């Protein structure tokens, strides 16, 4: 069971938000006496919902990306969740209501237009029957009939912008139909345990704006460049339950790294109740919702016509400096992979927030102040994220174990998804391959430790190449190394050479990893007499051992590791009667 002690709270940095947003957040939090992070997340989710279908954010050498945010507030405050959303989604609600009313009113006009359209079609068909096929007059009138069919009146459909509860299939259909969707749930305890959150990979792909086809009864349909906003609020108990039941899968799929999380769930925040007598003026909130309404009134935008916001050179330098700081933290702190995944995504989070700030404030370009504030805000989220989720990681795992798990996970993925790395030979990886592709670039010591651990556990076989570079074979093979060399076609790396007695000279410097299993491994004989393997091994000599086949195999493997070529091993069993 995860540690469910309360997370140390830190005030939400509301001043990092632009004045148009921060003024409204402070006004609502102070007037309604609710936690600041509840108001801030409600505001950010409303902005993301209104803007995500109209803008993209662009970095050099990368495709245009979504600006949709995934937000999660964990708070034990008994009030404030629903009322915060109600305040900041007034602009969304107003637009949705007006739009759906117009669709209903247009139904009468649609019926009249459809009747006229049908009569015109009948008239054209009657005239067409009087003409001879193939003549110029027939072709012209036939083209007119086709054009008439394309002008058929279409009834507008009701629009649902936000969903409080939704299934994964309904979410997919909404994104196919409209291209955008928002899950806004102020009481999401049931939602996070439903099947919608049981497929974290799908939600992760929607955050990234990836086209995901699903085989449904209606056929294979996929949304193109979908845009999704998620804003959920829960108390701490459902959050802990989610982490216990689905935390591992949410970590491994990268879903949690896509969320900006605020945890103020330690206790009820003592505050006086808001006034229920006098109506409190909300000028900043009104200004906020007017801007939301104005953005939505611009209408639906095809994904090809979304505005692409780019950063100035100075802003790019800010992000580059931020990325370097992140890299240094990861390198110096040996951050667990679950936390590192979020750190690696911080620049993406900050770029999305900066773009939303710019578009919402109706400015022509993403100014440096927006970038700086977005970076500072994401830095706060990074500290909060580590404080929250480190409680759910095993504290007894050493750094070496984390490195080994990281390498093992990559080897499994590469083995099953061989087309993911088409330039690599499946099952055979050089030290450089692992550095470049398995996430150990610039981390030779960590990779070496991981290889040692996996080799000692017989997860991998390790060979040494011509120039001493390691070659990792996955999965582990029980056969002799000679057989493995033949299976993998590596005989060119190990040409035959005259037998050289092991231990007759210094250890070759070309082998950076020399496992000492032969010198340290102890085992029990059938009669419970313990025998230790010899510390000196000689070829064509006597070896004291009680397991002929095991020692022979180990010596052959050891000789190959030491680049001694093919050798002949004679083993003589001598029982030590003195023991």
Protein backbone atom coordinates (compact mmCIF):
# COMPACT_ATOMS: atom_id res chain seq x y z
CA UNK A 1 0.00 0.00 0.00
CA UNK A 2 1.39 3.40 -0.93
CA UNK A 3 2.26 5.87 1.73
CA UNK A 4 -0.82 8.01 2.13
CA UNK A 5 0.58 10.63 4.42
CA UNK A 6 -0.23 14.13 3.30
CA UNK A 7 2.12 15.78 0.85
CA UNK A 8 3.86 18.95 2.08
CA UNK A 9 1.81 21.81 0.68
CA UNK A 10 3.21 24.82 -1.15
CA UNK A 11 1.13 27.85 -2.17
CA UNK A 12 0.01 27.94 -5.78
CA UNK A 13 2.16 30.50 -7.68
CA UNK A 14 -0.77 32.48 -9.04
CA UNK A 15 1.40 35.50 -9.87
CA UNK A 16 3.04 33.53 -12.69
CA UNK A 17 -0.27 33.80 -14.57
CA UNK A 18 -0.89 36.86 -16.81
CA UNK A 19 -2.95 39.63 -15.12
CA UNK A 20 -6.07 38.85 -17.18
CA UNK A 21 -6.02 35.35 -15.67
CA UNK A 22 -4.47 35.90 -12.24
CA UNK A 23 -6.84 38.75 -11.36
CA UNK A 24 -9.85 36.53 -12.03
CA UNK A 25 -8.31 33.60 -10.11
CA UNK A 26 -7.58 35.75 -7.04
CA UNK A 27 -11.02 37.32 -7.22
CA UNK A 28 -12.84 33.98 -7.27
CA UNK A 29 -10.62 32.36 -4.62
CA UNK A 30 -10.98 35.31 -2.25
CA UNK A 31 -14.70 35.87 -2.82
CA UNK A 32 -15.69 32.22 -2.52
CA UNK A 33 -13.04 31.30 0.11
CA UNK A 34 -11.77 28.35 -1.89
CA UNK A 35 -8.17 27.07 -2.40
CA UNK A 36 -6.19 29.04 -4.95
CA UNK A 37 -5.18 25.98 -6.97
CA UNK A 38 -8.83 25.00 -7.51
CA UNK A 39 -9.54 28.40 -9.04
CA UNK A 40 -6.30 28.42 -11.07
CA UNK A 41 -6.86 24.96 -12.57
CA UNK A 42 -10.46 25.83 -13.43
CA UNK A 43 -9.20 28.94 -15.25
CA UNK A 44 -6.43 27.10 -17.12
CA UNK A 45 -8.76 24.30 -18.18
CA UNK A 46 -11.31 26.80 -19.52
CA UNK A 47 -8.58 28.52 -21.55
CA UNK A 48 -7.29 25.20 -22.88
CA UNK A 49 -10.81 24.10 -23.82
CA UNK A 50 -11.53 27.31 -25.73
CA UNK A 51 -8.16 27.62 -27.50
CA UNK A 52 -7.00 24.07 -28.23
CA UNK A 53 -8.92 23.68 -31.49
CA UNK A 54 -7.71 26.99 -32.91
CA UNK A 55 -3.95 27.09 -32.28
CA UNK A 56 -0.84 24.95 -32.42
CA UNK A 57 2.60 25.61 -31.01
CA UNK A 58 5.71 25.13 -33.14
CA UNK A 59 9.35 24.42 -32.33
CA UNK A 60 12.06 24.30 -35.01
CA UNK A 61 12.51 20.83 -36.55
CA UNK A 62 9.35 19.55 -34.84
CA UNK A 63 5.80 19.27 -36.18
CA UNK A 64 3.12 21.63 -34.90
CA UNK A 65 1.89 20.40 -31.51
CA UNK A 66 -1.29 20.63 -29.48
CA UNK A 67 -1.79 23.21 -26.73
CA UNK A 68 -4.26 21.09 -24.76
CA UNK A 69 -3.52 20.68 -21.05
CA UNK A 70 -4.05 17.74 -18.69
CA UNK A 71 -4.66 19.07 -15.16
CA UNK A 72 -5.31 17.28 -11.86
CA UNK A 73 -6.10 18.84 -8.48
CA UNK A 74 -6.11 16.66 -5.38
CA UNK A 75 -7.87 18.51 -2.59
CA UNK A 76 -9.77 17.46 0.51
CA UNK A 77 -11.61 20.75 0.63
CA UNK A 78 -15.27 19.83 1.04
CA UNK A 79 -16.36 22.65 -1.23
CA UNK A 80 -15.00 24.66 -4.09
CA UNK A 81 -14.44 22.09 -6.84
CA UNK A 82 -17.77 22.42 -8.64
CA UNK A 83 -18.21 26.10 -7.93
CA UNK A 84 -14.76 26.94 -9.30
CA UNK A 85 -15.56 25.22 -12.59
CA UNK A 86 -18.96 26.91 -12.74
CA UNK A 87 -17.37 30.35 -12.39
CA UNK A 88 -14.68 29.94 -15.04
CA UNK A 89 -16.78 28.00 -17.55
CA UNK A 90 -19.54 30.59 -17.81
CA UNK A 91 -18.19 31.75 -21.15
CA UNK A 92 -18.14 28.16 -22.43
CA UNK A 93 -21.67 27.50 -21.14
CA UNK A 94 -23.00 30.70 -22.73
CA UNK A 95 -21.56 29.82 -26.13
CA UNK A 96 -22.76 26.20 -25.97
CA UNK A 97 -26.29 27.25 -25.03
CA UNK A 98 -26.54 29.86 -27.78
CA UNK A 99 -25.14 27.50 -30.37
CA UNK A 100 -27.54 24.68 -29.53
CA UNK A 101 -30.50 27.06 -29.46
CA UNK A 102 -29.60 28.30 -32.93
CA UNK A 103 -29.49 24.71 -34.17
CA UNK A 104 -32.99 24.12 -32.79
CA UNK A 105 -34.39 27.32 -34.34
CA UNK A 106 -32.76 26.51 -37.67
CA UNK A 107 -34.71 23.25 -37.83
CA UNK A 108 -37.83 25.08 -39.10
CA UNK A 109 -35.81 26.93 -41.73
CA UNK A 110 -34.08 23.69 -42.68
CA UNK A 111 -37.42 21.97 -43.38
CA UNK A 112 -38.43 24.79 -45.72
CA UNK A 113 -35.07 24.79 -47.49
CA UNK A 114 -35.12 21.02 -47.87
CA UNK A 115 -38.59 21.15 -49.48
CA UNK A 116 -37.46 23.78 -51.99
CA UNK A 117 -34.29 21.81 -52.71
CA UNK A 118 -36.25 18.64 -53.45
CA UNK A 119 -38.64 20.48 -55.81
CA UNK A 120 -35.71 21.98 -57.70
CA UNK A 121 -34.15 18.56 -58.07
CA UNK A 122 -37.34 17.07 -59.47
CA UNK A 123 -37.59 19.90 -61.99
CA UNK A 124 -34.00 19.35 -63.20
CA UNK A 125 -34.55 15.59 -63.55
CA UNK A 126 -37.73 16.15 -65.60
CA UNK A 127 -35.87 18.46 -67.98
CA UNK A 128 -32.99 15.95 -68.21
CA UNK A 129 -35.32 13.17 -69.36
CA UNK A 130 -36.34 15.25 -72.38
CA UNK A 131 -32.75 15.49 -73.66
CA UNK A 132 -30.70 12.98 -75.65
CA UNK A 133 -27.82 11.38 -73.78
CA UNK A 134 -24.38 12.46 -74.94
CA UNK A 135 -25.41 15.85 -76.30
CA UNK A 136 -23.87 19.05 -75.00
CA UNK A 137 -27.19 20.20 -73.51
CA UNK A 138 -27.52 16.88 -71.67
CA UNK A 139 -24.00 17.16 -70.21
CA UNK A 140 -24.58 20.74 -69.02
CA UNK A 141 -27.87 19.88 -67.33
CA UNK A 142 -26.39 16.74 -65.77
CA UNK A 143 -23.57 18.84 -64.28
CA UNK A 144 -26.20 21.18 -62.88
CA UNK A 145 -27.97 18.22 -61.25
CA UNK A 146 -24.72 17.12 -59.60
CA UNK A 147 -24.10 20.64 -58.31
CA UNK A 148 -27.64 20.71 -57.00
CA UNK A 149 -27.04 17.51 -55.02
CA UNK A 150 -23.99 19.05 -53.36
CA UNK A 151 -26.13 21.99 -52.18
CA UNK A 152 -28.39 19.83 -50.04
CA UNK A 153 -29.27 21.68 -46.79
CA UNK A 154 -27.65 20.05 -43.76
CA UNK A 155 -28.98 20.37 -40.27
CA UNK A 156 -26.53 21.60 -37.68
CA UNK A 157 -25.98 19.20 -34.80
CA UNK A 158 -26.04 19.85 -31.10
CA UNK A 159 -22.59 20.60 -29.69
CA UNK A 160 -21.20 19.18 -26.46
CA UNK A 161 -17.97 20.91 -25.50
CA UNK A 162 -17.30 19.43 -22.07
CA UNK A 163 -17.92 15.98 -20.59
CA UNK A 164 -17.97 15.23 -16.87
CA UNK A 165 -18.12 11.44 -17.40
CA UNK A 166 -17.26 9.65 -20.62
CA UNK A 167 -16.29 6.26 -22.00
CA UNK A 168 -13.24 5.73 -24.18
CA UNK A 169 -15.44 4.90 -27.18
CA UNK A 170 -17.56 8.03 -26.76
CA UNK A 171 -14.40 10.14 -26.41
CA UNK A 172 -13.03 8.65 -29.62
CA UNK A 173 -16.30 9.35 -31.47
CA UNK A 174 -16.36 12.95 -30.21
CA UNK A 175 -12.82 13.52 -31.47
CA UNK A 176 -13.64 11.93 -34.84
CA UNK A 177 -16.73 14.12 -35.18
CA UNK A 178 -15.48 17.46 -33.86
CA UNK A 179 -11.70 17.13 -33.66
CA UNK A 180 -11.70 18.57 -30.13
CA UNK A 181 -13.08 17.49 -26.76
CA UNK A 182 -12.73 18.32 -23.08
CA UNK A 183 -13.18 16.19 -19.97
CA UNK A 184 -13.98 18.57 -17.13
CA UNK A 185 -14.89 16.69 -13.95
CA UNK A 186 -14.94 18.43 -10.55
CA UNK A 187 -15.73 15.11 -8.81
CA UNK A 188 -13.62 12.64 -10.77
CA UNK A 189 -13.21 9.88 -8.18
CA UNK A 190 -15.35 7.49 -10.23
CA UNK A 191 -13.97 8.67 -13.58
CA UNK A 192 -10.31 7.90 -12.83
CA UNK A 193 -11.27 4.35 -11.88
CA UNK A 194 -13.50 3.84 -14.93
CA UNK A 195 -12.54 2.16 -18.18
CA UNK A 196 -11.80 5.55 -19.78
CA UNK A 197 -8.68 5.84 -17.62
CA UNK A 198 -8.00 2.11 -17.90
CA UNK A 199 -6.38 2.69 -21.30
CA UNK A 200 -3.73 5.29 -20.49
CA UNK A 201 -1.93 4.79 -23.79
CA UNK A 202 -4.93 6.12 -25.72
CA UNK A 203 -5.22 9.22 -23.52
CA UNK A 204 -1.48 9.80 -23.88
CA UNK A 205 -1.73 9.67 -27.67
CA UNK A 206 -4.57 12.21 -27.64
CA UNK A 207 -2.46 14.56 -25.49
CA UNK A 208 0.23 14.30 -28.15
CA UNK A 209 -2.32 14.91 -30.93
CA UNK A 210 -1.67 11.55 -32.58
CA UNK A 211 -4.15 9.97 -34.99
CA UNK A 212 -5.39 6.76 -33.37
CA UNK A 213 -7.64 4.49 -35.42
CA UNK A 214 -10.06 2.28 -33.50
CA UNK A 215 -11.91 -0.72 -34.90
CA UNK A 216 -15.55 -0.11 -33.98
CA UNK A 217 -18.84 -1.63 -35.13
CA UNK A 218 -19.31 1.38 -37.40
CA UNK A 219 -15.93 0.71 -38.99
CA UNK A 220 -12.35 1.84 -38.60
CA UNK A 221 -12.43 5.55 -37.84
CA UNK A 222 -9.73 7.82 -36.56
CA UNK A 223 -9.58 11.47 -35.53
CA UNK A 224 -7.14 13.66 -37.41
CA UNK A 225 -4.86 15.78 -35.23
CA UNK A 226 -7.23 15.50 -32.23
CA UNK A 227 -7.10 18.02 -29.42
CA UNK A 228 -8.07 17.03 -25.87
CA UNK A 229 -8.20 18.89 -22.56
CA UNK A 230 -8.58 17.02 -19.27
CA UNK A 231 -9.20 18.77 -15.95
CA UNK A 232 -10.08 16.54 -13.04
CA UNK A 233 -10.47 17.21 -9.34
CA UNK A 234 -10.52 14.51 -6.69
CA UNK A 235 -10.10 14.09 -2.99
CA UNK A 236 -7.02 12.29 -1.74
CA UNK A 237 -8.64 8.88 -1.15
CA UNK A 238 -9.66 8.30 -4.80
CA UNK A 239 -6.24 9.57 -5.86
CA UNK A 240 -4.46 7.03 -3.63
CA UNK A 241 -6.78 4.29 -4.86
CA UNK A 242 -6.00 5.18 -8.46
CA UNK A 243 -2.27 5.07 -7.77
CA UNK A 244 -2.53 1.71 -6.00
CA UNK A 245 -4.63 0.12 -8.75
CA UNK A 246 -3.39 1.86 -11.89
CA UNK A 247 -0.29 3.80 -10.89
CA UNK A 248 2.21 1.38 -12.41
CA UNK A 249 0.45 1.36 -15.77
CA UNK A 250 -0.05 5.13 -15.70
CA UNK A 251 3.69 5.60 -15.05
CA UNK A 252 4.87 3.17 -17.73
CA UNK A 253 2.53 4.56 -20.41
CA UNK A 254 3.65 8.13 -19.70
CA UNK A 255 0.13 9.29 -18.86
CA UNK A 256 1.06 10.76 -15.47
CA UNK A 257 3.96 12.68 -17.02
CA UNK A 258 1.40 14.48 -19.18
CA UNK A 259 -0.50 15.81 -16.16
CA UNK A 260 0.22 18.99 -14.24
CA UNK A 261 -0.76 18.02 -10.70
CA UNK A 262 -1.47 20.11 -7.64
CA UNK A 263 -1.82 18.22 -4.37
CA UNK A 264 -3.35 20.20 -1.52
CA UNK A 265 -5.00 17.13 -0.09
CA UNK A 266 -3.54 16.87 3.37
CA UNK A 267 -6.44 18.40 5.21
CA UNK A 268 -9.43 20.67 4.96
CA UNK A 269 -8.22 24.22 4.49
CA UNK A 270 -9.82 26.30 7.27
CA UNK A 271 -11.51 29.30 5.73
CA UNK A 272 -14.60 31.28 6.52
CA UNK A 273 -17.63 30.73 4.39
CA UNK A 274 -18.44 33.04 1.51
CA UNK A 275 -21.24 35.54 1.95
CA UNK A 276 -24.69 34.24 1.11
CA UNK A 277 -26.45 37.59 1.64
CA UNK A 278 -24.80 40.12 -0.63
CA UNK A 279 -24.00 39.54 -4.28
CA UNK A 280 -20.24 39.93 -4.68
CA UNK A 281 -19.11 41.88 -7.76
CA UNK A 282 -16.82 39.93 -10.11
CA UNK A 283 -15.46 42.37 -12.72
CA UNK A 284 -12.25 40.39 -13.37
CA UNK A 285 -14.18 37.14 -13.80
CA UNK A 286 -16.61 38.81 -16.21
CA UNK A 287 -13.69 40.05 -18.30
CA UNK A 288 -12.19 36.56 -18.26
CA UNK A 289 -15.38 34.83 -19.45
CA UNK A 290 -15.99 37.47 -22.11
CA UNK A 291 -12.64 36.56 -23.62
CA UNK A 292 -13.47 32.83 -23.50
CA UNK A 293 -16.79 33.53 -25.26
CA UNK A 294 -15.09 35.72 -27.87
CA UNK A 295 -12.63 32.93 -28.75
CA UNK A 296 -15.36 30.29 -29.08
CA UNK A 297 -17.46 32.61 -31.25
CA UNK A 298 -14.77 32.46 -33.92
CA UNK A 299 -16.26 29.10 -34.85
CA UNK A 300 -14.84 25.70 -35.65
CA UNK A 301 -11.50 25.57 -37.43
CA UNK A 302 -10.33 22.73 -39.69
CA UNK A 303 -7.15 21.16 -38.35
CA UNK A 304 -5.30 22.38 -41.45
CA UNK A 305 -6.26 26.00 -40.68
CA UNK A 306 -5.18 26.20 -37.06
CA UNK A 307 -2.95 29.16 -36.23
CA UNK A 308 0.62 28.03 -35.65
CA UNK A 309 2.33 30.07 -32.93
CA UNK A 310 6.11 30.23 -33.00
CA UNK A 311 8.68 31.51 -30.53
CA UNK A 312 11.11 34.35 -30.96
CA UNK A 313 14.82 33.62 -30.92
CA UNK A 314 15.11 34.98 -27.38
CA UNK A 315 12.28 32.72 -26.24
CA UNK A 316 13.97 29.71 -27.81
CA UNK A 317 17.13 30.54 -25.87
CA UNK A 318 15.03 30.63 -22.69
CA UNK A 319 13.75 27.13 -23.42
CA UNK A 320 17.23 25.91 -24.27
CA UNK A 321 18.52 27.16 -20.90
CA UNK A 322 15.56 25.54 -19.15
CA UNK A 323 16.24 22.23 -20.92
CA UNK A 324 19.89 22.34 -19.86
CA UNK A 325 18.89 22.88 -16.23
CA UNK A 326 16.56 19.88 -16.46
CA UNK A 327 19.33 17.72 -17.91
CA UNK A 328 21.70 18.73 -15.11
CA UNK A 329 19.12 17.88 -12.44
CA UNK A 330 18.48 14.46 -13.95
CA UNK A 331 22.18 13.73 -14.21
CA UNK A 332 23.15 14.96 -10.73
CA UNK A 333 20.21 13.61 -8.72
CA UNK A 334 19.86 10.19 -10.40
CA UNK A 335 16.15 10.90 -10.72
CA UNK A 336 13.94 7.77 -10.86
CA UNK A 337 12.76 7.01 -14.37
CA UNK A 338 9.12 7.72 -13.41
CA UNK A 339 10.08 11.24 -12.33
CA UNK A 340 12.58 11.69 -15.16
CA UNK A 341 9.82 11.10 -17.71
CA UNK A 342 7.94 14.12 -16.38
CA UNK A 343 11.10 16.23 -16.28
CA UNK A 344 11.77 15.38 -19.92
CA UNK A 345 8.32 16.70 -20.81
CA UNK A 346 8.59 20.00 -18.93
CA UNK A 347 9.63 22.03 -21.97
CA UNK A 348 6.54 20.77 -23.83
CA UNK A 349 4.32 21.73 -20.89
CA UNK A 350 5.89 25.18 -20.69
CA UNK A 351 5.57 25.79 -24.45
CA UNK A 352 1.88 24.91 -24.37
CA UNK A 353 1.19 27.19 -21.43
CA UNK A 354 3.14 30.08 -23.01
CA UNK A 355 1.18 29.71 -26.26
CA UNK A 356 -2.14 29.71 -24.37
CA UNK A 357 -1.08 32.81 -22.46
CA UNK A 358 -0.28 34.60 -25.72
CA UNK A 359 -3.46 33.67 -27.58
CA UNK A 360 -5.77 34.26 -24.63
CA UNK A 361 -4.27 37.69 -23.95
CA UNK A 362 -4.75 38.50 -27.65
CA UNK A 363 -1.14 39.40 -28.30
CA UNK A 364 0.59 39.14 -31.65
CA UNK A 365 3.56 36.98 -30.57
CA UNK A 366 4.69 34.83 -27.69
CA UNK A 367 6.57 37.40 -25.66
CA UNK A 368 9.50 36.55 -23.41
CA UNK A 369 7.51 37.35 -20.25
CA UNK A 370 4.97 34.65 -21.11
CA UNK A 371 7.77 32.14 -21.68
CA UNK A 372 9.50 33.04 -18.41
CA UNK A 373 6.25 32.79 -16.43
CA UNK A 374 5.36 29.47 -18.09
CA UNK A 375 8.80 28.07 -17.22
CA UNK A 376 8.53 29.28 -13.61
CA UNK A 377 5.06 27.78 -13.32
CA UNK A 378 6.25 24.43 -14.68
CA UNK A 379 9.20 24.50 -12.27
CA UNK A 380 6.69 24.68 -9.43
CA UNK A 381 4.77 21.77 -10.93
CA UNK A 382 8.02 19.79 -11.19
CA UNK A 383 8.73 20.14 -7.47
CA UNK A 384 5.14 19.29 -6.66
CA UNK A 385 5.20 16.27 -9.00
CA UNK A 386 8.30 14.82 -7.37
CA UNK A 387 6.91 15.39 -3.87
CA UNK A 388 3.66 13.67 -4.80
CA UNK A 389 4.75 10.68 -6.83
CA UNK A 390 7.99 9.81 -5.04
CA UNK A 391 5.68 8.37 -2.36
CA UNK A 392 4.59 5.74 -4.84
CA UNK A 393 8.05 4.60 -5.89
CA UNK A 394 9.91 1.84 -4.08
CA UNK A 395 12.39 3.58 -1.82
CA UNK A 396 14.46 0.40 -1.35
CA UNK A 397 15.55 0.25 -4.98
CA UNK A 398 19.14 1.35 -5.43
CA UNK A 399 20.35 3.48 -8.30
CA UNK A 400 21.90 0.38 -9.89
CA UNK A 401 18.57 -1.44 -9.75
CA UNK A 402 16.89 1.49 -11.49
CA UNK A 403 19.53 1.47 -14.21
CA UNK A 404 19.10 -2.30 -14.66
CA UNK A 405 15.31 -1.98 -14.85
CA UNK A 406 15.62 0.81 -17.38
CA UNK A 407 17.90 -1.28 -19.59
CA UNK A 408 15.79 -4.42 -19.18
CA UNK A 409 12.60 -2.53 -20.12
CA UNK A 410 14.26 -1.20 -23.26
CA UNK A 411 15.59 -4.62 -24.26
CA UNK A 412 12.11 -6.09 -23.90
CA UNK A 413 10.61 -3.31 -26.00
CA UNK A 414 13.30 -3.58 -28.67
CA UNK A 415 12.91 -7.35 -28.79
CA UNK A 416 9.15 -7.25 -29.32
CA UNK A 417 9.10 -4.14 -31.52
CA UNK A 418 11.98 -4.92 -33.82
CA UNK A 419 10.78 -2.48 -36.49
CA UNK A 420 11.03 0.40 -34.04
CA UNK A 421 14.81 0.33 -34.46
CA UNK A 422 15.35 -0.77 -38.06
CA UNK A 423 19.06 0.10 -38.02
CA UNK A 424 19.77 -2.27 -35.12
CA UNK A 425 20.20 -6.02 -35.41
CA UNK A 426 17.53 -7.56 -33.23
CA UNK A 427 18.95 -9.18 -30.12
CA UNK A 428 22.52 -7.92 -30.69
CA UNK A 429 23.39 -4.50 -29.28
CA UNK A 430 26.74 -2.80 -28.96
CA UNK A 431 27.60 -0.57 -26.01
CA UNK A 432 27.18 2.44 -28.27
CA UNK A 433 23.77 1.23 -29.47
CA UNK A 434 22.56 1.04 -25.88
CA UNK A 435 23.92 4.49 -25.11
CA UNK A 436 22.18 6.05 -28.11
CA UNK A 437 18.86 4.22 -28.02
CA UNK A 438 18.27 2.96 -24.47
CA UNK A 439 18.56 6.34 -22.78
CA UNK A 440 22.13 6.06 -21.49
CA UNK A 441 23.77 8.70 -23.66
CA UNK A 442 26.59 10.28 -21.67
CA UNK A 443 25.97 7.76 -18.87
CA UNK A 444 28.58 5.08 -19.51
CA UNK A 445 29.01 4.26 -15.82
CA UNK A 446 25.26 3.77 -15.34
CA UNK A 447 25.03 1.56 -18.42
CA UNK A 448 28.02 -0.49 -17.27
CA UNK A 449 26.40 -1.06 -13.90
CA UNK A 450 23.12 -2.05 -15.52
CA UNK A 451 24.87 -4.55 -17.81
CA UNK A 452 26.74 -6.09 -14.89
CA UNK A 453 23.52 -6.58 -12.93
CA UNK A 454 21.58 -8.10 -15.82
CA UNK A 455 24.48 -10.37 -16.74
CA UNK A 456 24.82 -11.60 -13.17
CA UNK A 457 21.13 -12.49 -13.20
CA UNK A 458 21.48 -14.32 -16.51
CA UNK A 459 19.16 -11.92 -18.30
CA UNK A 460 21.71 -11.17 -21.01
CA UNK A 461 24.89 -12.62 -22.49
CA UNK A 462 27.85 -10.26 -22.78
CA UNK A 463 30.67 -10.63 -25.30
CA UNK A 464 33.67 -8.46 -26.04
CA UNK A 465 34.23 -7.32 -29.61
CA UNK A 466 37.42 -6.92 -31.61
CA UNK A 467 38.27 -3.56 -30.09
CA UNK A 468 37.01 -4.32 -26.62
CA UNK A 469 33.56 -2.78 -27.04
CA UNK A 470 30.86 -4.81 -25.33
CA UNK A 471 28.21 -6.69 -27.26
CA UNK A 472 24.99 -7.48 -25.39
CA UNK A 473 22.89 -10.44 -26.50
CA UNK A 474 19.25 -10.54 -25.43
CA UNK A 475 17.55 -12.72 -24.31
CA UNK A 476 19.95 -14.91 -22.31
CA UNK A 477 20.96 -18.23 -23.89
CA UNK A 478 21.86 -21.30 -21.88
CA UNK A 479 24.04 -22.73 -24.67
CA UNK A 480 27.78 -22.33 -24.70
CA UNK A 481 29.14 -19.09 -26.01
CA UNK A 482 30.50 -20.98 -29.04
CA UNK A 483 26.95 -22.01 -29.95
CA UNK A 484 25.67 -18.48 -29.42
CA UNK A 485 28.39 -17.08 -31.68
CA UNK A 486 27.28 -19.46 -34.42
CA UNK A 487 23.56 -18.67 -33.91
CA UNK A 488 24.10 -14.90 -34.10
CA UNK A 489 26.62 -15.08 -36.92
CA UNK A 490 29.41 -13.43 -34.92
CA UNK A 491 32.22 -15.77 -35.92
CA UNK A 492 34.01 -12.92 -37.67
CA UNK A 493 34.48 -11.25 -34.28
CA UNK A 494 36.00 -14.39 -32.76
CA UNK A 495 38.41 -16.01 -35.29
CA UNK A 496 40.19 -19.18 -34.29
CA UNK A 497 43.52 -18.62 -32.54
CA UNK A 498 46.03 -20.85 -30.70
CA UNK A 499 44.86 -21.80 -27.21
CA UNK A 500 46.28 -19.53 -24.51
CA UNK A 501 46.09 -20.73 -20.91
CA UNK A 502 43.73 -18.58 -18.86
CA UNK A 503 45.63 -16.81 -16.12
CA UNK A 504 48.99 -17.06 -17.87
CA UNK A 505 49.18 -13.32 -18.47
CA UNK A 506 47.55 -10.02 -17.56
CA UNK A 507 43.85 -9.55 -18.15
CA UNK A 508 43.36 -7.94 -21.59
CA UNK A 509 42.57 -4.23 -21.27
CA UNK A 510 40.06 -4.62 -24.08
CA UNK A 511 37.49 -6.15 -21.74
CA UNK A 512 36.00 -3.37 -19.56
CA UNK A 513 33.71 -5.78 -17.72
CA UNK A 514 35.12 -9.00 -16.29
CA UNK A 515 32.60 -10.88 -14.24
CA UNK A 516 34.14 -12.96 -11.44
CA UNK A 517 31.52 -15.71 -11.14
CA UNK A 518 34.12 -18.47 -11.51
CA UNK A 519 36.07 -17.16 -8.54
CA UNK A 520 33.18 -16.54 -6.15
CA UNK A 521 30.36 -18.97 -6.89
CA UNK A 522 29.75 -21.67 -4.25
CA UNK A 523 27.34 -24.53 -4.49
CA UNK A 524 26.27 -27.64 -2.59
CA UNK A 525 27.21 -31.16 -3.62
CA UNK A 526 24.58 -33.89 -3.41
CA UNK A 527 26.01 -35.06 -0.07
CA UNK A 528 25.84 -31.44 1.23
CA UNK A 529 29.64 -31.02 1.03
CA UNK A 530 30.44 -27.44 -0.02
CA UNK A 531 33.06 -26.98 -2.71
CA UNK A 532 34.53 -23.69 -3.90
CA UNK A 533 35.57 -23.20 -7.52
CA UNK A 534 39.31 -22.78 -8.01
CA UNK A 535 40.74 -19.27 -8.19
CA UNK A 536 43.26 -20.42 -10.81
CA UNK A 537 42.12 -22.21 -13.93
CA UNK A 538 44.58 -24.10 -16.13
CA UNK A 539 44.08 -25.74 -19.46
CA UNK A 540 44.91 -29.46 -19.72
CA UNK A 541 45.27 -29.55 -15.94
CA UNK A 542 43.31 -30.99 -13.03
CA UNK A 543 40.37 -29.01 -11.71
CA UNK A 544 38.72 -29.83 -8.40
CA UNK A 545 34.99 -29.71 -8.94
CA UNK A 546 31.87 -31.69 -8.39
CA UNK A 547 29.96 -30.57 -11.46
CA UNK A 548 31.81 -31.58 -14.60
CA UNK A 549 29.39 -30.19 -17.18
CA UNK A 550 28.85 -26.88 -15.38
CA UNK A 551 32.57 -26.15 -14.96
CA UNK A 552 33.30 -27.10 -18.55
CA UNK A 553 30.65 -24.74 -19.83
CA UNK A 554 31.78 -21.91 -17.55
CA UNK A 555 35.41 -22.28 -18.62
CA UNK A 556 34.49 -22.22 -22.29
CA UNK A 557 32.38 -19.11 -21.82
CA UNK A 558 35.13 -17.45 -19.76
CA UNK A 559 37.77 -18.21 -22.34
CA UNK A 560 35.63 -16.69 -25.08
CA UNK A 561 35.04 -13.56 -23.01
CA UNK A 562 38.79 -13.18 -22.63
CA UNK A 563 39.17 -13.37 -26.42
CA UNK A 564 41.25 -16.57 -26.17
CA UNK A 565 39.60 -18.19 -29.18
CA UNK A 566 38.57 -21.85 -29.33
CA UNK A 567 40.25 -23.92 -26.62
CA UNK A 568 40.18 -27.49 -25.44
CA UNK A 569 39.18 -28.03 -21.82
CA UNK A 570 40.02 -31.20 -19.90
CA UNK A 571 38.37 -31.45 -16.50
CA UNK A 572 39.17 -34.15 -13.98
CA UNK A 573 36.90 -34.68 -10.96
CA UNK A 574 38.80 -35.11 -7.68
CA UNK A 575 36.83 -35.56 -4.48
CA UNK A 576 38.39 -34.03 -1.43
CA UNK A 577 38.03 -36.67 1.30
CA UNK A 578 39.45 -34.39 3.95
CA UNK A 579 36.26 -32.30 4.01
